[in-house]
Full PDB file with SEQRES, HELIX, SHEET, SSBOND, CRYST1, ORIGX, SCALE, CONECT and MASTER records, all heavy atoms in Angstrom:
SEQRES   1 A   31  VAL PHE TYR SER ILE THR ASP PHE ALA ARG PHE VAL GLY          
SEQRES   2 A   31  GLU CYS ASP PHE VAL ASP PHE VAL CYS VAL ASP VAL SER          
SEQRES   3 A   31  GLU SER ILE ALA ILE                                          
HELIX    1 AA1 ILE A    5  GLU A   14  1                                  10    
HELIX    2 AA2 SER A   28  ALA A   30  5                                   3    
CRYST1    1.000    1.000    1.000  90.00  90.00  90.00 P 1           1          
ORIGX1      1.000000  0.000000  0.000000        0.00000                         
ORIGX2      0.000000  1.000000  0.000000        0.00000                         
ORIGX3      0.000000  0.000000  1.000000        0.00000                         
SCALE1      1.000000  0.000000  0.000000        0.00000                         
SCALE2      0.000000  1.000000  0.000000        0.00000                         
SCALE3      0.000000  0.000000  1.000000        0.00000                         
ATOM      1  N   VAL A   1     208.394  61.185  65.971  1.00  0.00           N  
ATOM      2  CA  VAL A   1     209.066  62.054  64.904  1.00  0.00           C  
ATOM      3  C   VAL A   1     209.893  63.081  65.455  1.00  0.00           C  
ATOM      4  O   VAL A   1     209.377  63.931  66.332  1.00  0.00           O  
ATOM      5  CB  VAL A   1     207.829  62.735  63.987  1.00  0.00           C  
ATOM      6  CG1 VAL A   1     208.389  63.509  62.915  1.00  0.00           C  
ATOM      7  CG2 VAL A   1     206.910  61.523  63.439  1.00  0.00           C  
ATOM      8  N   PHE A   2     211.106  63.222  64.915  1.00  0.00           N  
ATOM      9  CA  PHE A   2     212.065  64.210  65.418  1.00  0.00           C  
ATOM     10  C   PHE A   2     212.579  65.151  64.383  1.00  0.00           C  
ATOM     11  O   PHE A   2     212.954  64.644  63.264  1.00  0.00           O  
ATOM     12  CB  PHE A   2     213.202  63.532  66.179  1.00  0.00           C  
ATOM     13  CG  PHE A   2     212.735  62.767  67.360  1.00  0.00           C  
ATOM     14  CD1 PHE A   2     212.632  61.319  67.267  1.00  0.00           C  
ATOM     15  CD2 PHE A   2     212.381  63.318  68.502  1.00  0.00           C  
ATOM     16  CE1 PHE A   2     212.173  60.583  68.310  1.00  0.00           C  
ATOM     17  CE2 PHE A   2     211.944  62.482  69.656  1.00  0.00           C  
ATOM     18  CZ  PHE A   2     211.914  61.188  69.539  1.00  0.00           C  
ATOM     19  N   TYR A   3     212.610  66.454  64.584  1.00  0.00           N  
ATOM     20  CA  TYR A   3     213.241  67.344  63.602  1.00  0.00           C  
ATOM     21  C   TYR A   3     214.551  67.877  64.242  1.00  0.00           C  
ATOM     22  O   TYR A   3     215.292  68.549  63.521  1.00  0.00           O  
ATOM     23  CB  TYR A   3     212.331  68.496  63.355  1.00  0.00           C  
ATOM     24  CG  TYR A   3     210.873  68.134  62.952  1.00  0.00           C  
ATOM     25  CD1 TYR A   3     209.894  68.292  63.886  1.00  0.00           C  
ATOM     26  CD2 TYR A   3     210.589  67.606  61.710  1.00  0.00           C  
ATOM     27  CE1 TYR A   3     208.639  67.868  63.578  1.00  0.00           C  
ATOM     28  CE2 TYR A   3     209.404  67.193  61.361  1.00  0.00           C  
ATOM     29  CZ  TYR A   3     208.322  67.386  62.354  1.00  0.00           C  
ATOM     30  OH  TYR A   3     207.082  66.936  61.980  1.00  0.00           O  
ATOM     31  N   SER A   4     214.806  67.557  65.501  1.00  0.00           N  
ATOM     32  CA  SER A   4     215.992  67.952  66.146  1.00  0.00           C  
ATOM     33  C   SER A   4     216.903  66.843  66.337  1.00  0.00           C  
ATOM     34  O   SER A   4     216.590  65.704  66.812  1.00  0.00           O  
ATOM     35  CB  SER A   4     215.691  68.613  67.402  1.00  0.00           C  
ATOM     36  OG  SER A   4     216.777  68.544  68.254  1.00  0.00           O  
ATOM     37  N   ILE A   5     218.182  66.917  65.991  1.00  0.00           N  
ATOM     38  CA  ILE A   5     219.181  65.786  66.159  1.00  0.00           C  
ATOM     39  C   ILE A   5     219.451  65.569  67.581  1.00  0.00           C  
ATOM     40  O   ILE A   5     219.680  64.405  68.040  1.00  0.00           O  
ATOM     41  CB  ILE A   5     220.573  66.152  65.486  1.00  0.00           C  
ATOM     42  CG1 ILE A   5     221.389  64.940  65.346  1.00  0.00           C  
ATOM     43  CG2 ILE A   5     221.265  67.359  66.149  1.00  0.00           C  
ATOM     44  CD1 ILE A   5     221.138  63.912  64.315  1.00  0.00           C  
ATOM     45  N   THR A   6     219.364  66.567  68.460  1.00  0.00           N  
ATOM     46  CA  THR A   6     219.439  66.369  69.926  1.00  0.00           C  
ATOM     47  C   THR A   6     218.449  65.511  70.449  1.00  0.00           C  
ATOM     48  O   THR A   6     218.709  64.554  71.282  1.00  0.00           O  
ATOM     49  CB  THR A   6     219.465  67.843  70.604  1.00  0.00           C  
ATOM     50  OG1 THR A   6     220.535  68.620  70.069  1.00  0.00           O  
ATOM     51  CG2 THR A   6     219.728  67.605  72.048  1.00  0.00           C  
ATOM     52  N   ASP A   7     217.123  65.811  70.012  1.00  0.00           N  
ATOM     53  CA  ASP A   7     216.034  64.996  70.547  1.00  0.00           C  
ATOM     54  C   ASP A   7     216.059  63.597  69.990  1.00  0.00           C  
ATOM     55  O   ASP A   7     215.725  62.683  70.748  1.00  0.00           O  
ATOM     56  CB  ASP A   7     214.610  65.663  70.049  1.00  0.00           C  
ATOM     57  CG  ASP A   7     214.469  66.945  70.822  1.00  0.00           C  
ATOM     58  OD1 ASP A   7     215.077  67.233  71.796  1.00  0.00           O  
ATOM     59  OD2 ASP A   7     213.723  67.758  70.199  1.00  0.00           O  
ATOM     60  N   PHE A   8     216.532  63.461  68.709  1.00  0.00           N  
ATOM     61  CA  PHE A   8     216.621  62.155  68.259  1.00  0.00           C  
ATOM     62  C   PHE A   8     217.735  61.264  68.880  1.00  0.00           C  
ATOM     63  O   PHE A   8     217.610  60.112  69.222  1.00  0.00           O  
ATOM     64  CB  PHE A   8     217.098  62.324  66.756  1.00  0.00           C  
ATOM     65  CG  PHE A   8     217.396  60.983  66.005  1.00  0.00           C  
ATOM     66  CD1 PHE A   8     216.467  59.979  65.906  1.00  0.00           C  
ATOM     67  CD2 PHE A   8     218.547  60.752  65.497  1.00  0.00           C  
ATOM     68  CE1 PHE A   8     216.637  58.818  65.225  1.00  0.00           C  
ATOM     69  CE2 PHE A   8     218.958  59.592  64.776  1.00  0.00           C  
ATOM     70  CZ  PHE A   8     218.039  58.587  64.663  1.00  0.00           C  
ATOM     71  N   ALA A   9     218.851  62.001  69.210  1.00  0.00           N  
ATOM     72  CA  ALA A   9     219.999  61.315  69.984  1.00  0.00           C  
ATOM     73  C   ALA A   9     219.527  60.820  71.328  1.00  0.00           C  
ATOM     74  O   ALA A   9     219.800  59.792  71.813  1.00  0.00           O  
ATOM     75  CB  ALA A   9     221.130  62.289  70.134  1.00  0.00           C  
ATOM     76  N   ARG A  10     218.708  61.738  72.055  1.00  0.00           N  
ATOM     77  CA  ARG A  10     218.206  61.432  73.359  1.00  0.00           C  
ATOM     78  C   ARG A  10     217.244  60.168  73.295  1.00  0.00           C  
ATOM     79  O   ARG A  10     217.412  59.250  74.087  1.00  0.00           O  
ATOM     80  CB  ARG A  10     217.362  62.580  73.911  1.00  0.00           C  
ATOM     81  CG  ARG A  10     216.921  62.348  75.365  1.00  0.00           C  
ATOM     82  CD  ARG A  10     216.245  63.532  75.997  1.00  0.00           C  
ATOM     83  NE  ARG A  10     217.108  64.745  75.957  1.00  0.00           N  
ATOM     84  CZ  ARG A  10     216.765  65.813  75.191  1.00  0.00           C  
ATOM     85  NH1 ARG A  10     215.765  65.786  74.353  1.00  0.00           N  
ATOM     86  NH2 ARG A  10     217.590  66.865  75.226  1.00  0.00           N  
ATOM     87  N   PHE A  11     216.467  60.071  72.314  1.00  0.00           N  
ATOM     88  CA  PHE A  11     215.473  59.029  72.166  1.00  0.00           C  
ATOM     89  C   PHE A  11     216.354  57.704  71.883  1.00  0.00           C  
ATOM     90  O   PHE A  11     216.062  56.630  72.479  1.00  0.00           O  
ATOM     91  CB  PHE A  11     214.604  59.294  70.990  1.00  0.00           C  
ATOM     92  CG  PHE A  11     213.520  58.136  70.805  1.00  0.00           C  
ATOM     93  CD1 PHE A  11     212.328  58.123  71.453  1.00  0.00           C  
ATOM     94  CD2 PHE A  11     213.829  57.146  69.798  1.00  0.00           C  
ATOM     95  CE1 PHE A  11     211.521  57.119  71.231  1.00  0.00           C  
ATOM     96  CE2 PHE A  11     212.946  56.093  69.613  1.00  0.00           C  
ATOM     97  CZ  PHE A  11     211.817  56.052  70.339  1.00  0.00           C  
ATOM     98  N   VAL A  12     217.204  57.783  71.050  1.00  0.00           N  
ATOM     99  CA  VAL A  12     218.117  56.597  70.768  1.00  0.00           C  
ATOM    100  C   VAL A  12     218.796  56.072  71.900  1.00  0.00           C  
ATOM    101  O   VAL A  12     218.883  54.853  72.126  1.00  0.00           O  
ATOM    102  CB  VAL A  12     219.110  57.004  69.650  1.00  0.00           C  
ATOM    103  CG1 VAL A  12     220.122  55.921  69.462  1.00  0.00           C  
ATOM    104  CG2 VAL A  12     218.424  57.213  68.183  1.00  0.00           C  
ATOM    105  N   GLY A  13     219.267  57.040  72.690  1.00  0.00           N  
ATOM    106  CA  GLY A  13     219.950  56.636  73.953  1.00  0.00           C  
ATOM    107  C   GLY A  13     219.012  55.929  75.008  1.00  0.00           C  
ATOM    108  O   GLY A  13     219.485  55.130  75.781  1.00  0.00           O  
ATOM    109  N   GLU A  14     217.891  56.281  75.069  1.00  0.00           N  
ATOM    110  CA  GLU A  14     216.928  55.871  76.132  1.00  0.00           C  
ATOM    111  C   GLU A  14     216.002  54.759  75.545  1.00  0.00           C  
ATOM    112  O   GLU A  14     215.400  54.034  76.551  1.00  0.00           O  
ATOM    113  CB  GLU A  14     216.008  57.045  76.521  1.00  0.00           C  
ATOM    114  CG  GLU A  14     216.803  58.171  77.219  1.00  0.00           C  
ATOM    115  CD  GLU A  14     215.936  59.483  77.547  1.00  0.00           C  
ATOM    116  OE1 GLU A  14     214.823  59.389  77.315  1.00  0.00           O  
ATOM    117  OE2 GLU A  14     216.477  60.322  78.246  1.00  0.00           O  
ATOM    118  N   CYS A  15     215.682  54.610  74.314  1.00  0.00           N  
ATOM    119  CA  CYS A  15     214.802  53.709  73.958  1.00  0.00           C  
ATOM    120  C   CYS A  15     215.340  52.259  73.914  1.00  0.00           C  
ATOM    121  O   CYS A  15     216.512  51.990  73.606  1.00  0.00           O  
ATOM    122  CB  CYS A  15     214.473  53.968  72.445  1.00  0.00           C  
ATOM    123  SG  CYS A  15     213.115  52.967  71.772  1.00  0.00           S  
ATOM    124  N   ASP A  16     214.467  51.341  74.438  1.00  0.00           N  
ATOM    125  CA  ASP A  16     214.855  49.908  74.528  1.00  0.00           C  
ATOM    126  C   ASP A  16     215.003  49.252  73.179  1.00  0.00           C  
ATOM    127  O   ASP A  16     215.975  48.578  73.003  1.00  0.00           O  
ATOM    128  CB  ASP A  16     213.760  49.175  75.302  1.00  0.00           C  
ATOM    129  CG  ASP A  16     214.288  48.502  76.532  1.00  0.00           C  
ATOM    130  OD1 ASP A  16     215.411  48.311  76.597  1.00  0.00           O  
ATOM    131  OD2 ASP A  16     213.427  48.197  77.428  1.00  0.00           O  
ATOM    132  N   PHE A  17     214.041  49.440  72.344  1.00  0.00           N  
ATOM    133  CA  PHE A  17     214.136  48.821  70.968  1.00  0.00           C  
ATOM    134  C   PHE A  17     213.205  49.506  70.014  1.00  0.00           C  
ATOM    135  O   PHE A  17     212.192  50.213  70.429  1.00  0.00           O  
ATOM    136  CB  PHE A  17     213.712  47.299  71.064  1.00  0.00           C  
ATOM    137  CG  PHE A  17     212.389  46.996  71.779  1.00  0.00           C  
ATOM    138  CD1 PHE A  17     211.221  47.074  71.051  1.00  0.00           C  
ATOM    139  CD2 PHE A  17     212.484  46.762  73.173  1.00  0.00           C  
ATOM    140  CE1 PHE A  17     210.065  46.786  71.784  1.00  0.00           C  
ATOM    141  CE2 PHE A  17     211.271  46.506  73.811  1.00  0.00           C  
ATOM    142  CZ  PHE A  17     210.011  46.516  73.131  1.00  0.00           C  
ATOM    143  N   VAL A  18     213.353  49.465  68.751  1.00  0.00           N  
ATOM    144  CA  VAL A  18     212.610  50.022  67.720  1.00  0.00           C  
ATOM    145  C   VAL A  18     212.233  49.031  66.618  1.00  0.00           C  
ATOM    146  O   VAL A  18     213.140  47.971  66.427  1.00  0.00           O  
ATOM    147  CB  VAL A  18     213.201  51.294  67.115  1.00  0.00           C  
ATOM    148  CG1 VAL A  18     213.273  52.386  68.161  1.00  0.00           C  
ATOM    149  CG2 VAL A  18     214.477  50.941  66.525  1.00  0.00           C  
ATOM    150  N   ASP A  19     211.289  49.169  65.849  1.00  0.00           N  
ATOM    151  CA  ASP A  19     210.890  48.229  64.807  1.00  0.00           C  
ATOM    152  C   ASP A  19     211.066  48.745  63.408  1.00  0.00           C  
ATOM    153  O   ASP A  19     211.507  48.043  62.437  1.00  0.00           O  
ATOM    154  CB  ASP A  19     209.529  47.798  65.000  1.00  0.00           C  
ATOM    155  CG  ASP A  19     209.167  47.139  66.350  1.00  0.00           C  
ATOM    156  OD1 ASP A  19     209.512  45.978  66.429  1.00  0.00           O  
ATOM    157  OD2 ASP A  19     208.720  47.821  67.253  1.00  0.00           O  
ATOM    158  N   PHE A  20     210.901  50.193  63.294  1.00  0.00           N  
ATOM    159  CA  PHE A  20     210.981  50.735  61.999  1.00  0.00           C  
ATOM    160  C   PHE A  20     211.675  52.123  62.135  1.00  0.00           C  
ATOM    161  O   PHE A  20     211.150  52.874  63.019  1.00  0.00           O  
ATOM    162  CB  PHE A  20     209.534  50.964  61.374  1.00  0.00           C  
ATOM    163  CG  PHE A  20     209.586  51.448  59.991  1.00  0.00           C  
ATOM    164  CD1 PHE A  20     209.377  50.628  58.980  1.00  0.00           C  
ATOM    165  CD2 PHE A  20     209.750  52.715  59.665  1.00  0.00           C  
ATOM    166  CE1 PHE A  20     209.399  50.893  57.636  1.00  0.00           C  
ATOM    167  CE2 PHE A  20     209.906  53.296  58.266  1.00  0.00           C  
ATOM    168  CZ  PHE A  20     209.585  52.378  57.294  1.00  0.00           C  
ATOM    169  N   VAL A  21     212.702  52.342  61.393  1.00  0.00           N  
ATOM    170  CA  VAL A  21     213.485  53.614  61.588  1.00  0.00           C  
ATOM    171  C   VAL A  21     213.584  54.335  60.229  1.00  0.00           C  
ATOM    172  O   VAL A  21     213.949  53.620  59.216  1.00  0.00           O  
ATOM    173  CB  VAL A  21     214.921  53.334  61.980  1.00  0.00           C  
ATOM    174  CG1 VAL A  21     215.676  54.581  62.298  1.00  0.00           C  
ATOM    175  CG2 VAL A  21     214.882  52.509  63.310  1.00  0.00           C  
ATOM    176  N   CYS A  22     213.223  55.641  60.173  1.00  0.00           N  
ATOM    177  CA  CYS A  22     213.419  56.325  59.024  1.00  0.00           C  
ATOM    178  C   CYS A  22     214.349  57.564  59.476  1.00  0.00           C  
ATOM    179  O   CYS A  22     213.988  58.412  60.231  1.00  0.00           O  
ATOM    180  CB  CYS A  22     212.111  56.927  58.510  1.00  0.00           C  
ATOM    181  SG  CYS A  22     212.171  58.102  57.128  1.00  0.00           S  
ATOM    182  N   VAL A  23     215.554  57.545  58.894  1.00  0.00           N  
ATOM    183  CA  VAL A  23     216.563  58.537  59.366  1.00  0.00           C  
ATOM    184  C   VAL A  23     217.293  59.171  58.301  1.00  0.00           C  
ATOM    185  O   VAL A  23     217.818  58.655  57.339  1.00  0.00           O  
ATOM    186  CB  VAL A  23     217.540  57.761  60.375  1.00  0.00           C  
ATOM    187  CG1 VAL A  23     218.254  56.650  59.722  1.00  0.00           C  
ATOM    188  CG2 VAL A  23     218.660  58.730  61.004  1.00  0.00           C  
ATOM    189  N   ASP A  24     217.354  60.393  58.480  1.00  0.00           N  
ATOM    190  CA  ASP A  24     218.183  61.372  57.522  1.00  0.00           C  
ATOM    191  C   ASP A  24     219.720  61.377  57.931  1.00  0.00           C  
ATOM    192  O   ASP A  24     220.023  61.859  59.052  1.00  0.00           O  
ATOM    193  CB  ASP A  24     217.525  62.749  57.427  1.00  0.00           C  
ATOM    194  CG  ASP A  24     218.211  63.702  56.547  1.00  0.00           C  
ATOM    195  OD1 ASP A  24     219.223  63.264  55.923  1.00  0.00           O  
ATOM    196  OD2 ASP A  24     217.603  64.713  56.265  1.00  0.00           O  
ATOM    197  N   VAL A  25     220.498  60.796  57.076  1.00  0.00           N  
ATOM    198  CA  VAL A  25     221.877  60.783  57.417  1.00  0.00           C  
ATOM    199  C   VAL A  25     222.731  61.841  56.702  1.00  0.00           C  
ATOM    200  O   VAL A  25     223.968  61.739  56.587  1.00  0.00           O  
ATOM    201  CB  VAL A  25     222.502  59.368  56.999  1.00  0.00           C  
ATOM    202  CG1 VAL A  25     221.810  58.277  57.944  1.00  0.00           C  
ATOM    203  CG2 VAL A  25     222.413  59.029  55.711  1.00  0.00           C  
ATOM    204  N   SER A  26     221.980  62.905  56.240  1.00  0.00           N  
ATOM    205  CA  SER A  26     222.756  64.007  55.634  1.00  0.00           C  
ATOM    206  C   SER A  26     223.671  64.691  56.502  1.00  0.00           C  
ATOM    207  O   SER A  26     224.637  65.136  56.119  1.00  0.00           O  
ATOM    208  CB  SER A  26     221.819  64.997  54.957  1.00  0.00           C  
ATOM    209  OG  SER A  26     220.946  64.285  54.017  1.00  0.00           O  
ATOM    210  N   GLU A  27     223.304  64.655  57.876  1.00  0.00           N  
ATOM    211  CA  GLU A  27     224.215  65.191  58.799  1.00  0.00           C  
ATOM    212  C   GLU A  27     225.089  64.039  59.336  1.00  0.00           C  
ATOM    213  O   GLU A  27     224.569  62.990  59.734  1.00  0.00           O  
ATOM    214  CB  GLU A  27     223.520  65.751  60.085  1.00  0.00           C  
ATOM    215  CG  GLU A  27     222.615  67.063  59.647  1.00  0.00           C  
ATOM    216  CD  GLU A  27     221.795  67.408  60.911  1.00  0.00           C  
ATOM    217  OE1 GLU A  27     222.229  68.149  61.698  1.00  0.00           O  
ATOM    218  OE2 GLU A  27     220.661  66.940  60.979  1.00  0.00           O  
ATOM    219  N   SER A  28     226.377  64.164  59.259  1.00  0.00           N  
ATOM    220  CA  SER A  28     227.223  62.974  59.548  1.00  0.00           C  
ATOM    221  C   SER A  28     227.042  62.429  60.915  1.00  0.00           C  
ATOM    222  O   SER A  28     227.234  61.194  61.253  1.00  0.00           O  
ATOM    223  CB  SER A  28     228.742  63.309  59.456  1.00  0.00           C  
ATOM    224  OG  SER A  28     229.067  64.472  60.293  1.00  0.00           O  
ATOM    225  N   ILE A  29     226.595  63.248  61.876  1.00  0.00           N  
ATOM    226  CA  ILE A  29     226.364  62.795  63.288  1.00  0.00           C  
ATOM    227  C   ILE A  29     225.324  61.744  63.424  1.00  0.00           C  
ATOM    228  O   ILE A  29     225.277  60.933  64.329  1.00  0.00           O  
ATOM    229  CB  ILE A  29     226.096  64.055  64.237  1.00  0.00           C  
ATOM    230  CG1 ILE A  29     226.209  63.526  65.645  1.00  0.00           C  
ATOM    231  CG2 ILE A  29     224.785  64.632  63.938  1.00  0.00           C  
ATOM    232  CD1 ILE A  29     226.128  64.694  66.570  1.00  0.00           C  
ATOM    233  N   ALA A  30     224.404  61.768  62.394  1.00  0.00           N  
ATOM    234  CA  ALA A  30     223.256  60.937  62.484  1.00  0.00           C  
ATOM    235  C   ALA A  30     223.756  59.455  62.026  1.00  0.00           C  
ATOM    236  O   ALA A  30     223.090  58.415  62.494  1.00  0.00           O  
ATOM    237  CB  ALA A  30     222.139  61.237  61.500  1.00  0.00           C  
ATOM    238  N   ILE A  31     224.804  59.291  61.427  1.00  0.00           N  
ATOM    239  CA  ILE A  31     225.379  57.904  61.039  1.00  0.00           C  
ATOM    240  C   ILE A  31     225.752  57.094  62.166  1.00  0.00           C  
ATOM    241  O   ILE A  31     225.230  55.912  62.400  1.00  0.00           O  
ATOM    242  CB  ILE A  31     226.452  57.992  59.965  1.00  0.00           C  
ATOM    243  CG1 ILE A  31     225.942  58.662  58.639  1.00  0.00           C  
ATOM    244  CG2 ILE A  31     227.104  56.775  59.786  1.00  0.00           C  
ATOM    245  CD1 ILE A  31     227.075  58.973  57.614  1.00  0.00           C  
TER     246      ILE A  31                                                      
MASTER        0    0    0    2    0    0    0    6  245    1    0    3          
END                                                                             
């Protein structure tokens, strides 16, 4: 669980694969 876009971005960049994603795209950078 991430409340920071920076931490979320780091996880996305390092993670091999995910099965379930719940993501707030209200910030355009999250898209």
